[in-house]
Protein backbone atom coordinates (compact mmCIF):
# COMPACT_ATOMS: atom_id res chain seq x y z
CA MET A 1 0.12 0.32 -0.24
CA TRP A 2 2.63 2.55 1.17
CA ARG A 3 5.16 1.77 -1.58
CA ARG A 4 2.07 2.15 -4.02
CA LEU A 5 1.92 5.57 -2.63
CA LEU A 6 4.99 6.29 -3.09
CA GLY A 7 5.40 5.26 -6.55
CA LEU A 8 2.62 7.52 -7.35
CA SER A 9 3.71 10.17 -5.45
CA ALA A 10 7.01 10.05 -7.24
CA VAL A 11 5.42 10.12 -10.93
CA PHE A 12 3.07 13.00 -9.47
CA HIS A 13 6.10 14.69 -8.95
CA ILE A 14 7.79 14.08 -12.06
CA VAL A 15 5.04 15.15 -14.02
CA MET A 16 4.30 18.48 -12.71
CA ASN A 17 7.56 19.03 -12.11
CA ILE A 18 7.72 18.53 -16.12
CA ALA A 19 4.34 20.54 -16.63
CA LEU A 20 6.03 23.76 -14.26
CA THR A 21 9.23 23.64 -16.01
CA CYS A 22 7.32 23.91 -19.39
CA ILE A 23 5.51 26.67 -18.05
CA LEU A 24 7.90 29.10 -16.39
CA LEU A 25 10.00 27.71 -19.71
CA CYS A 26 7.40 29.63 -21.67
CA VAL A 27 6.86 32.83 -19.34
CA SER A 28 11.08 33.44 -19.33
CA HIS A 29 10.57 33.33 -22.69
CA HIS A 30 8.25 36.08 -23.50
CA ASN A 31 9.91 38.37 -20.41
CA TYR A 32 13.52 37.87 -21.46
CA PRO A 33 14.39 41.56 -22.43
CA GLY A 34 17.20 40.68 -25.28
CA GLY A 35 14.72 37.77 -26.47
CA ILE A 36 14.61 39.45 -30.24
CA ALA A 37 17.96 39.70 -30.05
CA LEU A 38 18.29 36.28 -29.43
CA HIS A 39 15.72 35.40 -31.33
CA THR A 40 17.69 37.01 -34.77
CA LEU A 41 20.61 35.25 -34.03
CA HIS A 42 19.53 32.04 -33.89
CA ASN A 43 17.70 32.81 -37.83
CA ILE A 44 20.96 33.70 -38.71
CA GLU A 45 22.61 30.71 -37.48
CA SER A 46 22.80 27.34 -39.70
CA LYS A 47 19.88 25.45 -39.49
CA SER A 48 21.77 21.84 -38.57
CA LEU A 49 22.81 22.84 -35.33
CA GLY A 50 18.78 23.41 -34.75
CA VAL A 51 19.71 19.17 -35.63
CA PHE A 52 22.83 19.30 -32.85
CA LEU A 53 20.71 20.87 -30.05
CA ILE A 54 17.86 18.16 -30.74
CA PHE A 55 20.53 15.40 -30.05
CA CYS A 56 21.92 17.11 -26.72
CA TRP A 57 18.48 17.94 -25.37
CA LEU A 58 17.07 14.14 -26.02
CA LEU A 59 20.64 12.97 -24.49
CA TYR A 60 19.74 14.90 -21.29
CA LEU A 61 16.38 13.37 -21.43
CA LEU A 62 17.22 9.93 -21.91
CA PRO A 63 17.67 9.20 -18.30
CA VAL A 64 15.02 10.95 -16.69
CA VAL A 65 12.95 8.41 -19.10
CA VAL A 66 15.05 5.41 -17.96
CA VAL A 67 14.63 6.16 -13.90
CA PHE A 68 10.84 7.52 -15.03
CA LEU A 69 9.95 3.35 -16.64
CA TYR A 70 12.09 1.79 -13.64
CA ILE A 71 10.07 3.53 -11.19
CA VAL A 72 6.73 3.49 -12.69
CA ARG A 73 7.69 -0.79 -13.23
CA LYS A 74 8.90 -1.48 -9.76
CA TYR A 75 6.25 0.36 -8.16
CA LEU A 76 3.12 0.12 -10.05
CA SER A 77 3.33 -2.95 -11.34
CA VAL A 78 0.92 -5.40 -10.44
CA PRO A 79 2.12 -8.52 -8.62
CA LYS A 80 1.15 -11.50 -10.63
CA GLN A 81 -1.17 -13.78 -8.94
CA VAL A 82 -0.44 -17.51 -8.46
């Protein structure tokens, strides 16, 4: 019972953390005074850099997804009935 509750709270915490991070990222994107200058700079740069940044972001996100799936499998899996 407690393990399942702990697992659910961990999953809820991760989901809420991702949601609040996205919201705060959106707010800071619109609030940053140099945003127009950075946006112009990024438009001037090569488009291949975007692929590299996405690759780096995926490498950053991979351990988070692995830990999330581990928690879900370990704490939320239903024990097999014999």
